[in-house]
Amino acid sequence: MIQIALSAFLVWAFFHFKEKNGPIDGFTAMAFVLVPAIIVFLATMGIMALGAPHWPIYLLELSYFIVPFLFLKSITDYTTTKIVSYSAIVLVINIITQVLVAILIGLPPA
């Protein structure tokens, strides 16, 4: 939960400072991080319960790119290149916060 809160704050801060009067508020920034986190959590539980290989879990991290892309595509009139770059930034912010939290807590990143 610390990682989700930190990621959501950093995503919100990025969008807030990038576009002062943009359509992205704190709740949308939280959705950019929380929805993929739930997808990854549920899929990870399913993969572990089935005893399947763990490599698909790493592909699920792309949901941190796909979900913001779909959100931004539906609620804004940004160009596709701008939406792709913003979605990539959300993915990078998430990866950085996962690594930072794993280092601070001392656990391997999921």
C-alpha atoms as a PDB file:
ATOM      1  CA  MET A   1       0.000   0.000   0.000  1.00  0.00           C
ATOM      2  CA  ILE A   2       2.904   2.337   0.626  1.00  0.00           C
ATOM      3  CA  GLN A   3       4.095   1.771  -2.920  1.00  0.00           C
ATOM      4  CA  ILE A   4       0.634   2.474  -4.346  1.00  0.00           C
ATOM      5  CA  ALA A   5       0.249   5.660  -2.321  1.00  0.00           C
ATOM      6  CA  LEU A   6       3.725   6.886  -3.248  1.00  0.00           C
ATOM      7  CA  SER A   7       3.186   6.079  -6.930  1.00  0.00           C
ATOM      8  CA  ALA A   8      -0.204   7.807  -6.959  1.00  0.00           C
ATOM      9  CA  PHE A   9       1.266  10.903  -5.319  1.00  0.00           C
ATOM     10  CA  LEU A  10       4.141  11.058  -7.798  1.00  0.00           C
ATOM     11  CA  VAL A  11       1.788  10.551 -10.755  1.00  0.00           C
ATOM     12  CA  TRP A  12      -0.484  13.284  -9.435  1.00  0.00           C
ATOM     13  CA  ALA A  13       2.490  15.607  -8.858  1.00  0.00           C
ATOM     14  CA  PHE A  14       3.749  15.003 -12.397  1.00  0.00           C
ATOM     15  CA  PHE A  15       0.390  15.799 -13.983  1.00  0.00           C
ATOM     16  CA  HIS A  16      -0.193  18.734 -11.631  1.00  0.00           C
ATOM     17  CA  PHE A  17       3.100  20.413 -12.444  1.00  0.00           C
ATOM     18  CA  LYS A  18       2.999  19.496 -16.139  1.00  0.00           C
ATOM     19  CA  GLU A  19      -0.489  20.873 -16.706  1.00  0.00           C
ATOM     20  CA  LYS A  20      -1.855  23.133 -13.994  1.00  0.00           C
ATOM     21  CA  ASN A  21      -5.474  23.066 -15.216  1.00  0.00           C
ATOM     22  CA  GLY A  22      -5.394  19.618 -16.800  1.00  0.00           C
ATOM     23  CA  PRO A  23      -8.094  16.970 -16.501  1.00  0.00           C
ATOM     24  CA  ILE A  24      -6.071  14.735 -14.169  1.00  0.00           C
ATOM     25  CA  ASP A  25      -6.843  15.172 -10.474  1.00  0.00           C
ATOM     26  CA  GLY A  26      -5.800  13.157  -7.443  1.00  0.00           C
ATOM     27  CA  PHE A  27      -8.539  10.558  -7.838  1.00  0.00           C
ATOM     28  CA  THR A  28      -7.649   9.920 -11.469  1.00  0.00           C
ATOM     29  CA  ALA A  29      -3.974   9.608 -10.540  1.00  0.00           C
ATOM     30  CA  MET A  30      -4.967   7.090  -7.877  1.00  0.00           C
ATOM     31  CA  ALA A  31      -6.974   5.153 -10.476  1.00  0.00           C
ATOM     32  CA  PHE A  32      -3.934   5.149 -12.801  1.00  0.00           C
ATOM     33  CA  VAL A  33      -2.054   3.230 -10.109  1.00  0.00           C
ATOM     34  CA  LEU A  34      -4.744   1.337  -8.186  1.00  0.00           C
ATOM     35  CA  VAL A  35      -6.503  -0.357 -11.118  1.00  0.00           C
ATOM     36  CA  PRO A  36      -3.288  -1.919 -12.494  1.00  0.00           C
ATOM     37  CA  ALA A  37      -2.232  -2.881  -8.962  1.00  0.00           C
ATOM     38  CA  ILE A  38      -5.497  -4.796  -8.507  1.00  0.00           C
ATOM     39  CA  ILE A  39      -5.071  -6.451 -11.920  1.00  0.00           C
ATOM     40  CA  VAL A  40      -1.520  -7.511 -11.067  1.00  0.00           C
ATOM     41  CA  PHE A  41      -2.530  -8.731  -7.593  1.00  0.00           C
ATOM     42  CA  LEU A  42      -5.454 -10.849  -8.783  1.00  0.00           C
ATOM     43  CA  ALA A  43      -3.534 -12.296 -11.725  1.00  0.00           C
ATOM     44  CA  THR A  44      -0.573 -13.082  -9.464  1.00  0.00           C
ATOM     45  CA  MET A  45      -2.849 -14.921  -7.054  1.00  0.00           C
ATOM     46  CA  GLY A  46      -4.276 -16.922  -9.954  1.00  0.00           C
ATOM     47  CA  ILE A  47      -0.841 -17.748 -11.358  1.00  0.00           C
ATOM     48  CA  MET A  48       0.436 -18.835  -7.956  1.00  0.00           C
ATOM     49  CA  ALA A  49      -2.684 -20.929  -7.273  1.00  0.00           C
ATOM     50  CA  LEU A  50      -2.297 -22.734 -10.580  1.00  0.00           C
ATOM     51  CA  GLY A  51       1.407 -23.281 -10.070  1.00  0.00           C
ATOM     52  CA  ALA A  52       2.136 -21.703 -13.452  1.00  0.00           C
ATOM     53  CA  PRO A  53       5.494 -20.135 -14.348  1.00  0.00           C
ATOM     54  CA  HIS A  54       6.124 -16.711 -12.854  1.00  0.00           C
ATOM     55  CA  TRP A  55       7.286 -14.905 -15.997  1.00  0.00           C
ATOM     56  CA  PRO A  56       3.757 -13.702 -16.990  1.00  0.00           C
ATOM     57  CA  ILE A  57       3.710 -11.637 -13.796  1.00  0.00           C
ATOM     58  CA  TYR A  58       6.388  -9.381 -15.252  1.00  0.00           C
ATOM     59  CA  LEU A  59       4.314  -8.883 -18.398  1.00  0.00           C
ATOM     60  CA  LEU A  60       1.423  -7.759 -16.207  1.00  0.00           C
ATOM     61  CA  GLU A  61       3.444  -4.691 -15.281  1.00  0.00           C
ATOM     62  CA  LEU A  62       2.480  -3.382 -18.723  1.00  0.00           C
ATOM     63  CA  SER A  63      -0.975  -2.773 -17.278  1.00  0.00           C
ATOM     64  CA  TYR A  64       0.593   0.316 -15.682  1.00  0.00           C
ATOM     65  CA  PHE A  65       0.979   1.560 -19.264  1.00  0.00           C
ATOM     66  CA  ILE A  66      -2.257   0.212 -20.768  1.00  0.00           C
ATOM     67  CA  VAL A  67      -4.683   1.474 -18.111  1.00  0.00           C
ATOM     68  CA  PRO A  68      -3.484   5.124 -18.155  1.00  0.00           C
ATOM     69  CA  PHE A  69      -3.434   4.978 -21.960  1.00  0.00           C
ATOM     70  CA  LEU A  70      -7.074   3.906 -22.074  1.00  0.00           C
ATOM     71  CA  PHE A  71      -8.094   6.412 -19.391  1.00  0.00           C
ATOM     72  CA  LEU A  72      -6.365   9.314 -21.134  1.00  0.00           C
ATOM     73  CA  LYS A  73      -7.693   8.264 -24.525  1.00  0.00           C
ATOM     74  CA  SER A  74     -11.264   8.300 -23.226  1.00  0.00           C
ATOM     75  CA  ILE A  75     -11.241  11.444 -21.042  1.00  0.00           C
ATOM     76  CA  THR A  76      -8.933  13.801 -22.952  1.00  0.00           C
ATOM     77  CA  ASP A  77      -8.427  15.033 -26.467  1.00  0.00           C
ATOM     78  CA  TYR A  78      -4.635  14.735 -26.324  1.00  0.00           C
ATOM     79  CA  THR A  79      -2.688  13.482 -29.306  1.00  0.00           C
ATOM     80  CA  THR A  80      -1.711   9.836 -29.324  1.00  0.00           C
ATOM     81  CA  THR A  81       1.990  10.635 -28.910  1.00  0.00           C
ATOM     82  CA  LYS A  82       1.249  12.736 -25.828  1.00  0.00           C
ATOM     83  CA  ILE A  83      -0.931   9.967 -24.383  1.00  0.00           C
ATOM     84  CA  VAL A  84       1.769   7.363 -25.040  1.00  0.00           C
ATOM     85  CA  SER A  85       4.442   9.529 -23.397  1.00  0.00           C
ATOM     86  CA  TYR A  86       2.263  10.223 -20.350  1.00  0.00           C
ATOM     87  CA  SER A  87       1.419   6.524 -20.016  1.00  0.00           C
ATOM     88  CA  ALA A  88       5.104   5.632 -20.274  1.00  0.00           C
ATOM     89  CA  ILE A  89       5.878   8.126 -17.517  1.00  0.00           C
ATOM     90  CA  VAL A  90       3.263   6.458 -15.285  1.00  0.00           C
ATOM     91  CA  LEU A  91       4.930   3.093 -15.950  1.00  0.00           C
ATOM     92  CA  VAL A  92       8.399   4.483 -15.169  1.00  0.00           C
ATOM     93  CA  ILE A  93       7.161   6.153 -11.969  1.00  0.00           C
ATOM     94  CA  ASN A  94       5.655   2.844 -10.858  1.00  0.00           C
ATOM     95  CA  ILE A  95       8.834   0.874 -11.563  1.00  0.00           C
ATOM     96  CA  ILE A  96      10.958   3.429  -9.722  1.00  0.00           C
ATOM     97  CA  THR A  97       8.690   3.412  -6.673  1.00  0.00           C
ATOM     98  CA  GLN A  98       8.590  -0.397  -6.626  1.00  0.00           C
ATOM     99  CA  VAL A  99      12.372  -0.511  -6.575  1.00  0.00           C
ATOM    100  CA  LEU A 100      12.638   2.235  -3.935  1.00  0.00           C
ATOM    101  CA  VAL A 101      10.113   0.586  -1.623  1.00  0.00           C
ATOM    102  CA  ALA A 102      11.790  -2.802  -2.097  1.00  0.00           C
ATOM    103  CA  ILE A 103      15.170  -1.297  -1.213  1.00  0.00           C
ATOM    104  CA  LEU A 104      13.798   0.559   1.814  1.00  0.00           C
ATOM    105  CA  ILE A 105      11.866  -2.421   3.164  1.00  0.00           C
ATOM    106  CA  GLY A 106      14.477  -4.954   2.142  1.00  0.00           C
ATOM    107  CA  LEU A 107      12.185  -7.187   0.103  1.00  0.00           C
ATOM    108  CA  PRO A 108      12.726  -8.309  -3.480  1.00  0.00           C
ATOM    109  CA  PRO A 109      10.488  -6.410  -5.963  1.00  0.00           C
ATOM    110  CA  ALA A 110       7.415  -8.341  -7.087  1.00  0.00           C
END
